[in-house]
Amino acid sequence: MRNERERNPSTFARRWPWFVLPGALLGGVLIGVTEAMAGLFFTPSAKSMFSFGLLVLVLLFRPQGIMGKKPT
């Protein structure tokens, strides 16, 4: 059972950005690389379409996030 300190919302709020930072950085790099490659191989106006498609695929196959753990 968790102790009272782990359930304290202020403790969670202080540590929260560090939980999501690696996934957010990886997602930003993936979006940037995808848009750059789409601009190279296809018309530049299709760049946003590819980044949106990547977003939809991640949400379909990994709803907990790129680096998120599966719920038990």
N, C-alpha and C. Protein backbone atom coordinates (compact mmCIF):
# COMPACT_ATOMS: atom_id res chain seq x y z
N MET A 1 0.84 -1.18 0.00
CA MET A 1 0.00 0.00 0.00
C MET A 1 0.88 1.25 0.00
N ARG A 2 0.46 2.23 -0.73
CA ARG A 2 1.24 3.45 -0.83
C ARG A 2 1.15 4.24 0.47
N ASN A 3 2.22 4.93 0.75
CA ASN A 3 2.15 5.78 1.93
C ASN A 3 1.54 7.13 1.57
N GLU A 4 1.29 7.94 2.57
CA GLU A 4 0.58 9.20 2.36
C GLU A 4 1.39 10.18 1.51
N ARG A 5 2.70 10.12 1.58
CA ARG A 5 3.52 11.04 0.83
C ARG A 5 3.42 10.80 -0.68
N GLU A 6 3.31 9.55 -1.12
CA GLU A 6 3.20 9.25 -2.54
C GLU A 6 1.87 9.71 -3.13
N ARG A 7 0.84 9.74 -2.32
CA ARG A 7 -0.48 10.14 -2.81
C ARG A 7 -0.71 11.63 -2.74
N ASN A 8 0.21 12.36 -2.17
CA ASN A 8 0.05 13.80 -2.02
C ASN A 8 0.09 14.46 -3.40
N PRO A 9 -0.94 15.21 -3.77
CA PRO A 9 -0.97 15.82 -5.12
C PRO A 9 0.17 16.79 -5.36
N SER A 10 0.64 17.49 -4.34
CA SER A 10 1.72 18.45 -4.55
C SER A 10 3.02 17.73 -4.89
N THR A 11 3.25 16.54 -4.32
CA THR A 11 4.44 15.77 -4.67
C THR A 11 4.36 15.32 -6.12
N PHE A 12 3.20 14.87 -6.55
CA PHE A 12 3.01 14.46 -7.94
C PHE A 12 3.20 15.63 -8.89
N ALA A 13 2.69 16.80 -8.53
CA ALA A 13 2.80 17.98 -9.39
C ALA A 13 4.24 18.41 -9.56
N ARG A 14 5.06 18.22 -8.54
CA ARG A 14 6.47 18.60 -8.67
C ARG A 14 7.24 17.63 -9.54
N ARG A 15 6.83 16.36 -9.58
CA ARG A 15 7.55 15.36 -10.35
C ARG A 15 6.95 15.12 -11.73
N TRP A 16 5.76 15.62 -12.02
CA TRP A 16 5.02 15.28 -13.24
C TRP A 16 5.77 15.58 -14.53
N PRO A 17 6.38 16.76 -14.72
CA PRO A 17 7.00 17.00 -16.04
C PRO A 17 8.10 16.00 -16.38
N TRP A 18 8.75 15.43 -15.42
CA TRP A 18 9.85 14.50 -15.70
C TRP A 18 9.33 13.17 -16.21
N PHE A 19 8.07 12.84 -15.92
CA PHE A 19 7.50 11.59 -16.42
C PHE A 19 7.22 11.67 -17.92
N VAL A 20 6.79 12.81 -18.40
CA VAL A 20 6.36 12.93 -19.78
C VAL A 20 7.42 13.52 -20.71
N LEU A 21 8.50 14.01 -20.16
CA LEU A 21 9.51 14.68 -20.96
C LEU A 21 10.15 13.78 -22.02
N PRO A 22 10.58 12.56 -21.72
CA PRO A 22 11.19 11.73 -22.78
C PRO A 22 10.23 11.42 -23.93
N GLY A 23 8.99 11.12 -23.63
CA GLY A 23 8.02 10.84 -24.67
C GLY A 23 7.70 12.07 -25.50
N ALA A 24 7.64 13.23 -24.87
CA ALA A 24 7.37 14.46 -25.60
C ALA A 24 8.54 14.81 -26.52
N LEU A 25 9.76 14.61 -26.05
CA LEU A 25 10.92 14.88 -26.90
C LEU A 25 10.97 13.92 -28.08
N LEU A 26 10.72 12.64 -27.83
CA LEU A 26 10.71 11.67 -28.91
C LEU A 26 9.61 11.97 -29.92
N GLY A 27 8.44 12.34 -29.42
CA GLY A 27 7.33 12.70 -30.31
C GLY A 27 7.65 13.92 -31.16
N GLY A 28 8.29 14.91 -30.58
CA GLY A 28 8.68 16.09 -31.33
C GLY A 28 9.69 15.78 -32.42
N VAL A 29 10.65 14.92 -32.10
CA VAL A 29 11.63 14.52 -33.10
C VAL A 29 10.97 13.73 -34.23
N LEU A 30 10.06 12.82 -33.87
CA LEU A 30 9.37 12.04 -34.91
C LEU A 30 8.52 12.92 -35.81
N ILE A 31 7.83 13.88 -35.24
CA ILE A 31 7.02 14.80 -36.05
C ILE A 31 7.92 15.63 -36.96
N GLY A 32 9.02 16.12 -36.43
CA GLY A 32 9.94 16.93 -37.24
C GLY A 32 10.55 16.15 -38.39
N VAL A 33 11.01 14.93 -38.10
CA VAL A 33 11.61 14.10 -39.15
C VAL A 33 10.56 13.72 -40.20
N THR A 34 9.37 13.38 -39.75
CA THR A 34 8.30 13.00 -40.67
C THR A 34 7.95 14.17 -41.60
N GLU A 35 7.83 15.37 -41.03
CA GLU A 35 7.51 16.53 -41.86
C GLU A 35 8.64 16.85 -42.83
N ALA A 36 9.88 16.71 -42.40
CA ALA A 36 11.01 16.99 -43.28
C ALA A 36 11.07 15.99 -44.43
N MET A 37 10.86 14.71 -44.12
CA MET A 37 10.89 13.69 -45.18
C MET A 37 9.70 13.84 -46.13
N ALA A 38 8.55 14.20 -45.60
CA ALA A 38 7.38 14.39 -46.46
C ALA A 38 7.60 15.59 -47.38
N GLY A 39 8.25 16.63 -46.88
CA GLY A 39 8.54 17.78 -47.72
C GLY A 39 9.56 17.48 -48.80
N LEU A 40 10.45 16.52 -48.52
CA LEU A 40 11.45 16.14 -49.51
C LEU A 40 10.87 15.28 -50.62
N PHE A 41 10.09 14.29 -50.25
CA PHE A 41 9.61 13.29 -51.21
C PHE A 41 8.27 13.62 -51.84
N PHE A 42 7.47 14.43 -51.18
CA PHE A 42 6.15 14.78 -51.69
C PHE A 42 6.06 16.30 -51.77
N THR A 43 4.89 16.79 -52.08
CA THR A 43 4.73 18.25 -52.16
C THR A 43 4.83 18.85 -50.76
N PRO A 44 5.38 20.04 -50.64
CA PRO A 44 5.51 20.66 -49.32
C PRO A 44 4.18 20.89 -48.61
N SER A 45 3.11 21.00 -49.38
CA SER A 45 1.81 21.20 -48.74
C SER A 45 1.31 19.92 -48.07
N ALA A 46 1.91 18.77 -48.34
CA ALA A 46 1.49 17.51 -47.74
C ALA A 46 2.19 17.23 -46.41
N LYS A 47 3.06 18.14 -45.97
CA LYS A 47 3.81 17.90 -44.74
C LYS A 47 2.89 17.75 -43.53
N SER A 48 1.92 18.61 -43.42
CA SER A 48 1.02 18.55 -42.25
C SER A 48 0.14 17.30 -42.30
N MET A 49 -0.17 16.82 -43.49
CA MET A 49 -0.97 15.60 -43.62
C MET A 49 -0.21 14.40 -43.03
N PHE A 50 1.08 14.33 -43.28
CA PHE A 50 1.87 13.22 -42.76
C PHE A 50 2.03 13.30 -41.24
N SER A 51 2.22 14.49 -40.71
CA SER A 51 2.34 14.60 -39.26
C SER A 51 1.01 14.27 -38.57
N PHE A 52 -0.10 14.66 -39.18
CA PHE A 52 -1.41 14.30 -38.64
C PHE A 52 -1.64 12.79 -38.71
N GLY A 53 -1.23 12.17 -39.81
CA GLY A 53 -1.35 10.72 -39.94
C GLY A 53 -0.52 9.99 -38.90
N LEU A 54 0.68 10.50 -38.61
CA LEU A 54 1.52 9.90 -37.57
C LEU A 54 0.85 10.03 -36.20
N LEU A 55 0.26 11.17 -35.95
CA LEU A 55 -0.46 11.38 -34.69
C LEU A 55 -1.61 10.39 -34.54
N VAL A 56 -2.38 10.19 -35.59
CA VAL A 56 -3.50 9.25 -35.55
C VAL A 56 -3.00 7.83 -35.34
N LEU A 57 -1.92 7.44 -36.01
CA LEU A 57 -1.38 6.09 -35.84
C LEU A 57 -0.89 5.85 -34.42
N VAL A 58 -0.21 6.82 -33.84
CA VAL A 58 0.25 6.67 -32.46
C VAL A 58 -0.93 6.56 -31.51
N LEU A 59 -1.96 7.36 -31.73
CA LEU A 59 -3.12 7.29 -30.85
C LEU A 59 -3.89 5.98 -31.01
N LEU A 60 -3.88 5.42 -32.21
CA LEU A 60 -4.56 4.14 -32.42
C LEU A 60 -3.81 2.96 -31.79
N PHE A 61 -2.50 2.93 -32.00
CA PHE A 61 -1.73 1.77 -31.58
C PHE A 61 -1.07 1.93 -30.22
N ARG A 62 -0.82 3.14 -29.76
CA ARG A 62 -0.20 3.37 -28.45
C ARG A 62 -0.96 4.47 -27.73
N PRO A 63 -2.20 4.24 -27.28
CA PRO A 63 -2.97 5.31 -26.65
C PRO A 63 -2.37 5.81 -25.34
N GLN A 64 -1.50 5.02 -24.70
CA GLN A 64 -0.86 5.46 -23.47
C GLN A 64 0.35 6.35 -23.74
N GLY A 65 0.72 6.50 -25.00
CA GLY A 65 1.86 7.34 -25.38
C GLY A 65 2.99 6.52 -25.96
N ILE A 66 3.95 7.20 -26.54
CA ILE A 66 5.07 6.50 -27.18
C ILE A 66 5.91 5.77 -26.13
N MET A 67 6.21 6.45 -25.04
CA MET A 67 7.06 5.88 -24.00
C MET A 67 6.25 5.42 -22.79
N GLY A 68 4.92 5.48 -22.89
CA GLY A 68 4.07 5.14 -21.76
C GLY A 68 4.04 3.65 -21.49
N LYS A 69 3.76 3.31 -20.23
CA LYS A 69 3.65 1.90 -19.85
C LYS A 69 2.21 1.45 -20.01
N LYS A 70 2.04 0.19 -20.39
CA LYS A 70 0.70 -0.35 -20.53
C LYS A 70 0.07 -0.49 -19.13
N PRO A 71 -1.21 -0.15 -19.01
CA PRO A 71 -1.86 -0.32 -17.71
C PRO A 71 -1.98 -1.79 -17.35
N THR A 72 -1.85 -2.05 -16.07
CA THR A 72 -1.93 -3.46 -15.61
C THR A 72 -3.31 -3.81 -15.17
